Amino acid sequence: MRKWREIFHVNQAELSQHLKISPSVISDYESGRRKSPGTRAIKRFVEALLYLDEGGGGGVKAAFERFLSVEVPTDIILDIKEFNSPVRARKICVALQASIVAHEDLLDRDLLGYAVVDSLGALNELSGQAFAKLFAMMDQRALIFTQISTGRSPLVAVKVGEGKPSLVVLHGRGEVEYLAVELAEREGIPLLVSKLESANELIRRLREL
């Protein structure tokens, strides 16, 4: 429950007010101090997230609708959003304190949204076809991979797919392999590397855009 509440950018106070229950009840469910709330309560929880998202422009719902035809397990999606208005790629670079390793000349393009993906989960769970679909649907959007070691695998997937994201960000403590940079150069994709302390910090900064 906590994961989905945070993905929909809803705090406990907002959710409790909409559901007309105490914030402590929500906290207890999220921490496991209470038993499962049951299907009826979960339905109300989901409806509340969708309602509150619509009130804020519907950015999360719209982003997930783009994923309906893609075989992507939701557990590898750490965060996702469609912006209410386009955001310059360079602004994402600044927000994530990222270094530019390929195509700085393309950072003035406008982006319509982003998705943050657990790279290890993606590599373990996605088929080649699903990986290609994931990249194809990120046109005019930023695709951000966490837990990166060398960055080669995501960029190889870009090369074999029919579509490609308008910005790729690699987040992790390792050094990006030269091949990943070369592939980004060849494919015309701006490539950034962020070494923020955690994926949670990265997501927090993206949500503030």
Foldseek 3Di string as FASTA:
>chain_A
DVQLCVQLPHDLVQQCVVVVHDSVVVVCVVVVVDPDPDDVVVVVSVVSSQVVSVVVPVFSVVFVVLCPVAPDDPVFWRHWTFDNDWDFQVVLCVLLVWDWLAPPVLRRQTAGIEIEGAVVCCVVPPDLVRLLSVAQSQDSYEYEYEPDAAQQVNLVSQVPHPHGHQEYEYEDDHHHDPNSSVSCHVVVHTYIYGDPPDPVSSVVSVVVD
